[in-house]
N, C-alpha and C. Protein backbone atom coordinates (compact mmCIF):
# COMPACT_ATOMS: atom_id res chain seq x y z
N UNK A 1 -1.37 4.98 -25.79
CA UNK A 1 -0.56 6.17 -25.69
C UNK A 1 -0.46 6.55 -24.21
N UNK A 2 0.68 7.10 -23.82
CA UNK A 2 0.89 7.49 -22.43
C UNK A 2 1.59 8.86 -22.41
N UNK A 3 1.16 9.69 -21.48
CA UNK A 3 1.75 11.01 -21.33
C UNK A 3 2.61 10.98 -20.06
N UNK A 4 3.89 11.23 -20.21
CA UNK A 4 4.81 11.20 -19.08
C UNK A 4 4.79 12.55 -18.36
N UNK A 5 4.03 12.59 -17.27
CA UNK A 5 3.90 13.83 -16.50
C UNK A 5 4.33 13.62 -15.05
N UNK A 6 5.17 12.64 -14.83
CA UNK A 6 5.63 12.34 -13.48
C UNK A 6 6.61 13.43 -13.04
N UNK A 7 6.44 13.98 -11.83
CA UNK A 7 7.37 15.02 -11.36
C UNK A 7 8.81 14.50 -11.34
N UNK A 8 9.72 15.36 -11.74
CA UNK A 8 11.14 14.99 -11.77
C UNK A 8 11.94 15.77 -10.74
N UNK A 9 11.29 16.71 -10.06
CA UNK A 9 11.93 17.53 -9.03
C UNK A 9 11.15 17.36 -7.73
N UNK A 10 11.80 17.54 -6.58
CA UNK A 10 11.07 17.48 -5.30
C UNK A 10 9.93 18.51 -5.25
N UNK A 11 8.88 18.19 -4.48
CA UNK A 11 7.71 19.07 -4.41
C UNK A 11 7.02 18.91 -3.05
N UNK A 12 6.12 19.83 -2.75
CA UNK A 12 5.38 19.84 -1.49
C UNK A 12 4.05 19.11 -1.64
N UNK A 13 3.64 18.40 -0.59
CA UNK A 13 2.31 17.78 -0.50
C UNK A 13 1.66 18.33 0.76
N UNK A 14 0.41 18.80 0.65
CA UNK A 14 -0.35 19.28 1.80
C UNK A 14 -1.14 18.12 2.39
N UNK A 15 -0.95 17.90 3.70
CA UNK A 15 -1.63 16.84 4.43
C UNK A 15 -2.63 17.45 5.42
N UNK A 16 -3.47 16.64 6.05
CA UNK A 16 -4.41 17.17 7.04
C UNK A 16 -3.69 17.89 8.19
N UNK A 17 -4.44 18.73 8.89
CA UNK A 17 -3.97 19.45 10.08
C UNK A 17 -2.81 20.40 9.78
N UNK A 18 -2.83 21.00 8.59
CA UNK A 18 -1.83 21.99 8.19
C UNK A 18 -0.40 21.44 8.18
N UNK A 19 -0.26 20.17 7.90
CA UNK A 19 1.06 19.55 7.76
C UNK A 19 1.42 19.57 6.28
N UNK A 20 2.65 19.96 5.97
CA UNK A 20 3.17 19.92 4.61
C UNK A 20 4.44 19.10 4.62
N UNK A 21 4.60 18.25 3.60
CA UNK A 21 5.82 17.46 3.49
C UNK A 21 6.47 17.72 2.14
N UNK A 22 7.79 17.82 2.14
CA UNK A 22 8.56 18.02 0.93
C UNK A 22 9.12 16.67 0.53
N UNK A 23 8.80 16.21 -0.67
CA UNK A 23 9.10 14.84 -1.08
C UNK A 23 9.97 14.78 -2.33
N UNK A 24 10.73 13.69 -2.39
CA UNK A 24 11.46 13.35 -3.62
C UNK A 24 10.45 12.80 -4.62
N UNK A 25 10.73 12.90 -5.90
CA UNK A 25 9.83 12.30 -6.89
C UNK A 25 9.73 10.77 -6.69
N UNK A 26 8.56 10.24 -6.93
CA UNK A 26 8.32 8.80 -6.78
C UNK A 26 8.83 8.06 -8.01
N UNK A 27 9.50 6.94 -7.76
CA UNK A 27 9.91 6.05 -8.85
C UNK A 27 9.28 4.69 -8.62
N UNK A 28 9.18 3.91 -9.66
CA UNK A 28 8.63 2.57 -9.53
C UNK A 28 9.47 1.73 -8.57
N UNK A 29 10.78 1.89 -8.61
CA UNK A 29 11.67 1.13 -7.73
C UNK A 29 11.38 1.44 -6.26
N UNK A 30 11.22 2.71 -5.94
CA UNK A 30 10.93 3.10 -4.55
C UNK A 30 9.56 2.56 -4.13
N UNK A 31 8.57 2.70 -5.00
CA UNK A 31 7.21 2.22 -4.71
C UNK A 31 7.20 0.71 -4.46
N UNK A 32 7.78 -0.04 -5.37
CA UNK A 32 7.76 -1.50 -5.24
C UNK A 32 8.60 -1.99 -4.06
N UNK A 33 9.71 -1.32 -3.79
CA UNK A 33 10.54 -1.70 -2.64
C UNK A 33 9.76 -1.48 -1.34
N UNK A 34 9.05 -0.36 -1.23
CA UNK A 34 8.26 -0.09 -0.03
C UNK A 34 7.13 -1.10 0.12
N UNK A 35 6.48 -1.46 -0.97
CA UNK A 35 5.40 -2.45 -0.93
C UNK A 35 5.93 -3.82 -0.50
N UNK A 36 7.02 -4.26 -1.10
CA UNK A 36 7.61 -5.57 -0.76
C UNK A 36 8.10 -5.58 0.68
N UNK A 37 8.76 -4.51 1.10
CA UNK A 37 9.27 -4.42 2.47
C UNK A 37 8.11 -4.46 3.47
N UNK A 38 7.00 -3.78 3.15
CA UNK A 38 5.83 -3.78 4.04
C UNK A 38 5.28 -5.18 4.25
N UNK A 39 5.12 -5.94 3.16
CA UNK A 39 4.61 -7.32 3.27
C UNK A 39 5.61 -8.22 3.99
N UNK A 40 6.89 -8.08 3.67
CA UNK A 40 7.91 -8.92 4.31
C UNK A 40 7.95 -8.67 5.82
N UNK A 41 7.94 -7.41 6.20
CA UNK A 41 7.99 -7.06 7.62
C UNK A 41 6.71 -7.51 8.34
N UNK A 42 5.55 -7.36 7.70
CA UNK A 42 4.29 -7.78 8.32
C UNK A 42 4.29 -9.28 8.56
N UNK A 43 4.76 -10.06 7.58
CA UNK A 43 4.81 -11.52 7.76
C UNK A 43 5.79 -11.90 8.86
N UNK A 44 6.92 -11.20 8.95
CA UNK A 44 7.91 -11.48 10.00
C UNK A 44 7.33 -11.16 11.38
N UNK A 45 6.63 -10.05 11.48
CA UNK A 45 6.01 -9.67 12.76
C UNK A 45 4.93 -10.68 13.13
N UNK A 46 4.15 -11.14 12.14
CA UNK A 46 3.10 -12.14 12.40
C UNK A 46 3.72 -13.45 12.89
N UNK A 47 4.84 -13.86 12.30
CA UNK A 47 5.51 -15.09 12.73
C UNK A 47 6.04 -14.94 14.16
N UNK A 48 6.61 -13.78 14.46
CA UNK A 48 7.10 -13.52 15.82
C UNK A 48 5.95 -13.50 16.80
N UNK A 49 4.83 -12.93 16.41
CA UNK A 49 3.62 -12.90 17.25
C UNK A 49 3.16 -14.32 17.55
N UNK A 50 3.15 -15.17 16.52
CA UNK A 50 2.73 -16.57 16.70
C UNK A 50 3.69 -17.31 17.63
N UNK A 51 4.99 -17.05 17.49
CA UNK A 51 5.98 -17.68 18.36
C UNK A 51 5.79 -17.25 19.82
N UNK A 52 5.54 -15.96 20.03
CA UNK A 52 5.31 -15.45 21.39
C UNK A 52 4.06 -16.10 22.00
N UNK A 53 3.01 -16.21 21.20
CA UNK A 53 1.77 -16.82 21.67
C UNK A 53 2.00 -18.29 22.02
N UNK A 54 2.72 -19.00 21.16
CA UNK A 54 3.00 -20.42 21.40
C UNK A 54 3.86 -20.62 22.65
N UNK A 55 4.72 -19.63 22.94
CA UNK A 55 5.59 -19.73 24.12
C UNK A 55 4.88 -19.31 25.40
N UNK A 56 3.63 -18.86 25.27
CA UNK A 56 2.87 -18.48 26.45
C UNK A 56 3.10 -17.04 26.89
N UNK A 57 3.71 -16.23 26.05
CA UNK A 57 3.95 -14.83 26.40
C UNK A 57 2.64 -14.05 26.43
N UNK A 58 2.62 -12.98 27.20
CA UNK A 58 1.43 -12.13 27.28
C UNK A 58 1.37 -11.26 26.03
N UNK A 59 0.39 -11.51 25.19
CA UNK A 59 0.25 -10.72 23.96
C UNK A 59 -1.04 -9.90 24.02
N UNK A 60 -1.53 -9.66 25.22
CA UNK A 60 -2.73 -8.86 25.42
C UNK A 60 -2.52 -7.48 24.80
N UNK A 61 -3.50 -7.01 24.07
CA UNK A 61 -3.43 -5.69 23.46
C UNK A 61 -2.84 -5.69 22.07
N UNK A 62 -2.23 -6.79 21.65
CA UNK A 62 -1.69 -6.87 20.30
C UNK A 62 -2.78 -7.37 19.36
N UNK A 63 -2.80 -6.89 18.12
CA UNK A 63 -3.80 -7.38 17.17
C UNK A 63 -3.55 -8.85 16.84
N UNK A 64 -4.61 -9.55 16.49
CA UNK A 64 -4.49 -10.95 16.11
C UNK A 64 -3.96 -11.02 14.68
N UNK A 65 -2.65 -11.24 14.56
CA UNK A 65 -2.03 -11.22 13.24
C UNK A 65 -2.21 -12.52 12.47
N UNK A 66 -2.95 -13.47 13.05
CA UNK A 66 -3.32 -14.65 12.27
C UNK A 66 -4.54 -14.31 11.40
N UNK A 67 -5.18 -13.17 11.66
CA UNK A 67 -6.30 -12.69 10.87
C UNK A 67 -5.75 -11.97 9.64
N UNK A 68 -6.19 -12.39 8.45
CA UNK A 68 -5.67 -11.83 7.19
C UNK A 68 -5.91 -10.32 7.09
N UNK A 69 -7.05 -9.84 7.59
CA UNK A 69 -7.34 -8.41 7.51
C UNK A 69 -6.39 -7.60 8.40
N UNK A 70 -6.12 -8.12 9.60
CA UNK A 70 -5.18 -7.44 10.50
C UNK A 70 -3.78 -7.42 9.90
N UNK A 71 -3.40 -8.52 9.29
CA UNK A 71 -2.09 -8.61 8.64
C UNK A 71 -1.99 -7.64 7.46
N UNK A 72 -3.06 -7.54 6.67
CA UNK A 72 -3.09 -6.60 5.55
C UNK A 72 -3.01 -5.15 6.05
N UNK A 73 -3.71 -4.85 7.14
CA UNK A 73 -3.66 -3.50 7.71
C UNK A 73 -2.26 -3.16 8.19
N UNK A 74 -1.61 -4.10 8.86
CA UNK A 74 -0.24 -3.88 9.32
C UNK A 74 0.69 -3.68 8.13
N UNK A 75 0.52 -4.48 7.10
CA UNK A 75 1.34 -4.35 5.90
C UNK A 75 1.16 -2.98 5.26
N UNK A 76 -0.09 -2.50 5.19
CA UNK A 76 -0.36 -1.19 4.59
C UNK A 76 0.29 -0.08 5.40
N UNK A 77 0.25 -0.18 6.74
CA UNK A 77 0.89 0.83 7.57
C UNK A 77 2.40 0.81 7.35
N UNK A 78 2.99 -0.38 7.29
CA UNK A 78 4.42 -0.49 7.06
C UNK A 78 4.80 0.01 5.67
N UNK A 79 3.93 -0.21 4.69
CA UNK A 79 4.15 0.32 3.34
C UNK A 79 4.16 1.84 3.37
N UNK A 80 3.17 2.44 4.03
CA UNK A 80 3.10 3.90 4.12
C UNK A 80 4.34 4.46 4.82
N UNK A 81 4.76 3.80 5.90
CA UNK A 81 5.95 4.25 6.61
C UNK A 81 7.19 4.17 5.73
N UNK A 82 7.37 3.06 5.03
CA UNK A 82 8.53 2.89 4.16
C UNK A 82 8.54 3.88 3.02
N UNK A 83 7.38 4.08 2.42
CA UNK A 83 7.27 5.04 1.32
C UNK A 83 7.58 6.45 1.81
N UNK A 84 7.03 6.81 2.97
CA UNK A 84 7.26 8.14 3.52
C UNK A 84 8.72 8.35 3.90
N UNK A 85 9.34 7.33 4.49
CA UNK A 85 10.76 7.47 4.86
C UNK A 85 11.63 7.66 3.62
N UNK A 86 11.27 7.02 2.53
CA UNK A 86 12.03 7.16 1.29
C UNK A 86 11.79 8.52 0.63
N UNK A 87 10.63 9.12 0.88
CA UNK A 87 10.22 10.31 0.14
C UNK A 87 10.45 11.63 0.88
N UNK A 88 10.05 11.67 2.14
CA UNK A 88 10.02 12.95 2.86
C UNK A 88 11.43 13.40 3.24
N UNK A 89 11.76 14.63 2.83
CA UNK A 89 13.06 15.20 3.17
C UNK A 89 12.95 16.29 4.23
N UNK A 90 11.78 16.94 4.30
CA UNK A 90 11.52 17.93 5.34
C UNK A 90 10.02 18.14 5.43
N UNK A 91 9.61 18.83 6.49
CA UNK A 91 8.19 19.08 6.67
C UNK A 91 7.94 20.36 7.43
N UNK A 92 6.69 20.76 7.42
CA UNK A 92 6.21 21.92 8.17
C UNK A 92 4.94 21.50 8.89
N UNK A 93 4.71 22.06 10.08
CA UNK A 93 3.47 21.81 10.81
C UNK A 93 3.50 20.60 11.72
N UNK A 94 4.67 20.01 11.94
CA UNK A 94 4.79 18.86 12.84
C UNK A 94 5.59 19.31 14.05
N UNK A 95 4.98 19.15 15.23
CA UNK A 95 5.62 19.59 16.47
C UNK A 95 6.02 18.39 17.33
N UNK A 96 7.06 18.58 18.15
CA UNK A 96 7.47 17.53 19.08
C UNK A 96 6.69 17.69 20.39
N UNK A 97 7.04 16.92 21.40
CA UNK A 97 6.34 16.94 22.69
C UNK A 97 6.44 18.29 23.39
N UNK A 98 7.46 19.09 23.06
CA UNK A 98 7.65 20.41 23.67
C UNK A 98 7.10 21.53 22.80
N UNK A 99 6.24 21.20 21.84
CA UNK A 99 5.65 22.16 20.91
C UNK A 99 6.67 22.92 20.07
N UNK A 100 7.79 22.27 19.81
CA UNK A 100 8.81 22.82 18.94
C UNK A 100 8.74 22.08 17.60
N UNK A 101 9.17 22.73 16.51
CA UNK A 101 9.17 22.01 15.23
C UNK A 101 9.97 20.71 15.32
N UNK A 102 9.33 19.61 14.94
CA UNK A 102 9.98 18.29 15.00
C UNK A 102 10.87 18.10 13.79
N UNK A 103 12.00 17.42 14.01
CA UNK A 103 12.86 17.06 12.89
C UNK A 103 12.22 15.91 12.11
N UNK A 104 12.44 15.89 10.82
CA UNK A 104 11.87 14.81 10.00
C UNK A 104 12.82 13.62 9.97
N UNK A 105 12.95 12.96 11.12
CA UNK A 105 13.78 11.77 11.23
C UNK A 105 12.97 10.54 10.81
N UNK A 106 13.64 9.43 10.57
CA UNK A 106 12.94 8.20 10.19
C UNK A 106 11.90 7.80 11.23
N UNK A 107 12.24 7.89 12.51
CA UNK A 107 11.29 7.49 13.56
C UNK A 107 10.12 8.47 13.64
N UNK A 108 10.37 9.76 13.46
CA UNK A 108 9.29 10.74 13.49
C UNK A 108 8.36 10.57 12.29
N UNK A 109 8.95 10.28 11.12
CA UNK A 109 8.14 10.04 9.92
C UNK A 109 7.28 8.79 10.11
N UNK A 110 7.86 7.73 10.67
CA UNK A 110 7.10 6.50 10.93
C UNK A 110 5.96 6.78 11.90
N UNK A 111 6.22 7.61 12.90
CA UNK A 111 5.18 7.95 13.88
C UNK A 111 4.04 8.72 13.21
N UNK A 112 4.38 9.67 12.34
CA UNK A 112 3.37 10.42 11.61
C UNK A 112 2.49 9.49 10.77
N UNK A 113 3.10 8.47 10.16
CA UNK A 113 2.37 7.54 9.31
C UNK A 113 1.53 6.54 10.11
N UNK A 114 1.63 6.56 11.43
CA UNK A 114 0.75 5.73 12.25
C UNK A 114 -0.62 6.36 12.40
N UNK A 115 -0.73 7.63 12.04
CA UNK A 115 -2.02 8.33 12.09
C UNK A 115 -2.76 8.02 10.79
N UNK A 116 -3.89 7.33 10.88
CA UNK A 116 -4.57 6.86 9.66
C UNK A 116 -4.82 7.93 8.61
N UNK A 117 -5.35 9.08 8.99
CA UNK A 117 -5.64 10.12 7.98
C UNK A 117 -4.37 10.64 7.33
N UNK A 118 -3.30 10.76 8.10
CA UNK A 118 -2.03 11.23 7.54
C UNK A 118 -1.48 10.21 6.53
N UNK A 119 -1.47 8.95 6.95
CA UNK A 119 -0.93 7.90 6.08
C UNK A 119 -1.74 7.79 4.80
N UNK A 120 -3.05 7.77 4.92
CA UNK A 120 -3.90 7.63 3.74
C UNK A 120 -3.72 8.83 2.80
N UNK A 121 -3.75 10.03 3.35
CA UNK A 121 -3.59 11.22 2.53
C UNK A 121 -2.22 11.25 1.86
N UNK A 122 -1.19 10.90 2.60
CA UNK A 122 0.15 10.89 2.03
C UNK A 122 0.24 9.89 0.88
N UNK A 123 -0.16 8.64 1.11
CA UNK A 123 -0.04 7.60 0.07
C UNK A 123 -0.85 7.97 -1.17
N UNK A 124 -2.07 8.44 -0.97
CA UNK A 124 -2.92 8.79 -2.11
C UNK A 124 -2.29 9.92 -2.92
N UNK A 125 -1.89 10.99 -2.24
CA UNK A 125 -1.34 12.14 -2.97
C UNK A 125 0.03 11.85 -3.58
N UNK A 126 0.86 11.12 -2.85
CA UNK A 126 2.21 10.85 -3.34
C UNK A 126 2.19 9.92 -4.55
N UNK A 127 1.26 8.99 -4.57
CA UNK A 127 1.22 8.00 -5.65
C UNK A 127 0.24 8.36 -6.76
N UNK A 128 -0.57 9.42 -6.60
CA UNK A 128 -1.63 9.69 -7.58
C UNK A 128 -1.10 9.97 -8.98
N UNK A 129 -0.01 10.70 -9.12
CA UNK A 129 0.53 10.96 -10.46
C UNK A 129 1.04 9.67 -11.08
N UNK A 130 1.72 8.88 -10.28
CA UNK A 130 2.24 7.59 -10.73
C UNK A 130 1.08 6.68 -11.16
N UNK A 131 0.04 6.62 -10.33
CA UNK A 131 -1.13 5.79 -10.63
C UNK A 131 -1.85 6.30 -11.88
N UNK A 132 -1.94 7.62 -12.05
CA UNK A 132 -2.62 8.19 -13.21
C UNK A 132 -1.89 7.83 -14.50
N UNK A 133 -0.58 7.87 -14.49
CA UNK A 133 0.20 7.51 -15.68
C UNK A 133 -0.02 6.04 -16.01
N UNK A 134 -0.02 5.19 -14.99
CA UNK A 134 -0.24 3.77 -15.22
C UNK A 134 -1.64 3.53 -15.77
N UNK A 135 -2.63 4.19 -15.17
CA UNK A 135 -4.02 4.01 -15.62
C UNK A 135 -4.21 4.52 -17.04
N UNK A 136 -3.57 5.64 -17.37
CA UNK A 136 -3.69 6.20 -18.71
C UNK A 136 -3.10 5.26 -19.75
N UNK A 137 -2.05 4.57 -19.40
CA UNK A 137 -1.39 3.69 -20.35
C UNK A 137 -1.97 2.31 -20.41
N UNK A 138 -2.78 1.93 -19.43
CA UNK A 138 -3.30 0.58 -19.39
C UNK A 138 -4.67 0.60 -18.75
N UNK A 139 -5.71 0.70 -19.55
CA UNK A 139 -7.05 0.85 -19.00
C UNK A 139 -7.58 -0.44 -18.39
N UNK A 140 -6.95 -1.56 -18.63
CA UNK A 140 -7.40 -2.81 -18.03
C UNK A 140 -6.37 -3.30 -17.03
N UNK A 141 -5.93 -2.40 -16.19
CA UNK A 141 -4.91 -2.69 -15.19
C UNK A 141 -5.38 -3.76 -14.21
N UNK A 142 -4.52 -4.73 -13.84
CA UNK A 142 -4.94 -5.76 -12.90
C UNK A 142 -5.13 -5.21 -11.50
N UNK A 143 -5.84 -5.97 -10.69
CA UNK A 143 -6.05 -5.58 -9.30
C UNK A 143 -4.72 -5.63 -8.55
N UNK A 144 -4.60 -4.90 -7.42
CA UNK A 144 -3.34 -4.85 -6.68
C UNK A 144 -2.82 -6.21 -6.23
N UNK A 145 -3.70 -7.18 -6.02
CA UNK A 145 -3.23 -8.48 -5.55
C UNK A 145 -2.82 -9.40 -6.69
N UNK A 146 -2.82 -8.88 -7.91
CA UNK A 146 -2.33 -9.65 -9.04
C UNK A 146 -3.39 -10.44 -9.78
N UNK A 147 -4.63 -10.37 -9.36
CA UNK A 147 -5.68 -11.07 -10.09
C UNK A 147 -6.53 -10.05 -10.82
N UNK A 148 -7.35 -10.53 -11.70
CA UNK A 148 -8.25 -9.62 -12.41
C UNK A 148 -9.63 -9.61 -11.80
N UNK A 149 -9.77 -10.15 -10.58
CA UNK A 149 -11.07 -10.25 -9.94
C UNK A 149 -11.73 -8.89 -9.76
N UNK A 150 -10.95 -7.83 -9.59
CA UNK A 150 -11.51 -6.51 -9.37
C UNK A 150 -11.76 -5.76 -10.67
N UNK A 151 -11.39 -6.35 -11.80
CA UNK A 151 -11.55 -5.68 -13.08
C UNK A 151 -12.98 -5.71 -13.56
N UNK A 152 -13.28 -4.87 -14.54
CA UNK A 152 -14.61 -4.83 -15.11
C UNK A 152 -14.79 -6.02 -16.04
N UNK A 153 -16.00 -6.54 -16.08
CA UNK A 153 -16.32 -7.61 -17.00
C UNK A 153 -16.57 -6.98 -18.36
N UNK A 154 -15.84 -7.39 -19.36
CA UNK A 154 -15.99 -6.80 -20.69
C UNK A 154 -16.62 -7.77 -21.68
N UNK A 155 -16.69 -9.04 -21.35
CA UNK A 155 -17.30 -10.03 -22.24
C UNK A 155 -18.78 -10.13 -21.95
N UNK A 156 -19.56 -10.31 -22.98
CA UNK A 156 -20.99 -10.49 -22.81
C UNK A 156 -21.30 -11.90 -22.33
N UNK A 157 -22.54 -12.12 -21.96
CA UNK A 157 -22.95 -13.44 -21.50
C UNK A 157 -22.89 -14.43 -22.65
N UNK A 158 -22.52 -15.64 -22.34
CA UNK A 158 -22.42 -16.69 -23.34
C UNK A 158 -23.66 -17.57 -23.24
N UNK A 159 -24.29 -17.84 -24.37
CA UNK A 159 -25.45 -18.71 -24.38
C UNK A 159 -25.01 -20.13 -24.12
N UNK A 160 -25.77 -20.83 -23.30
CA UNK A 160 -25.44 -22.21 -22.98
C UNK A 160 -25.81 -23.08 -24.17
N UNK A 161 -24.91 -23.95 -24.56
CA UNK A 161 -25.14 -24.83 -25.70
C UNK A 161 -25.41 -26.24 -25.19
N UNK A 162 -26.50 -26.81 -25.67
CA UNK A 162 -26.83 -28.17 -25.28
C UNK A 162 -26.05 -29.14 -26.16
N UNK A 163 -25.51 -30.16 -25.53
CA UNK A 163 -24.80 -31.18 -26.30
C UNK A 163 -25.42 -32.52 -26.01
N UNK A 164 -25.45 -33.34 -27.02
CA UNK A 164 -26.00 -34.68 -26.87
C UNK A 164 -24.97 -35.56 -26.16
N UNK A 165 -25.42 -36.43 -25.25
CA UNK A 165 -24.45 -37.28 -24.58
C UNK A 165 -23.78 -38.21 -25.57
N UNK A 166 -22.52 -38.46 -25.33
CA UNK A 166 -21.77 -39.34 -26.22
C UNK A 166 -22.09 -40.78 -25.84
N UNK A 167 -22.32 -41.60 -26.83
CA UNK A 167 -22.55 -43.01 -26.57
C UNK A 167 -21.43 -43.81 -27.20
N UNK A 168 -21.05 -44.82 -26.51
CA UNK A 168 -19.97 -45.65 -27.02
C UNK A 168 -20.57 -46.68 -27.99
N UNK A 169 -19.92 -46.88 -29.09
CA UNK A 169 -20.35 -47.91 -30.02
C UNK A 169 -19.50 -49.16 -29.78
N UNK A 170 -20.14 -50.31 -29.78
CA UNK A 170 -19.36 -51.53 -29.52
C UNK A 170 -18.34 -51.78 -30.64
N UNK A 171 -17.20 -52.34 -30.30
CA UNK A 171 -16.16 -52.58 -31.31
C UNK A 171 -16.51 -53.66 -32.29
């Protein structure tokens, strides 16, 4: 059984440092598009990074994107940025360089999502209702990477059975 309690109207989310964002309701299509776009962009950036390195370009200060953890981190940041750009329509508590209220443009939203606490808080709060509905409807939900490795073990231990070796009988 599943209870459909997903917001259908825009609403406010409170983020750290007295920042509030007004968001459109989350849909599966928006969520999955942001996730796919994040991975696609991260892989493209990693390939470009490898090409620059192979060409002898100075890549000092750039993360080593051949490292799976660095690539996953970049993908998660790009996911948060894509999700936020799709969701946020306005905000409060964000100032520009002149201490004036900043406009919620795509580039400003992406910049806000570069701040780890902001990105984490936004993604958790924005997706929590969606995640709760999924969890309520499917208690054995697979891990995010598509395997069940992170799932709980529900089967008991199996006793080992001894078998006699097979012997061939002559024809």
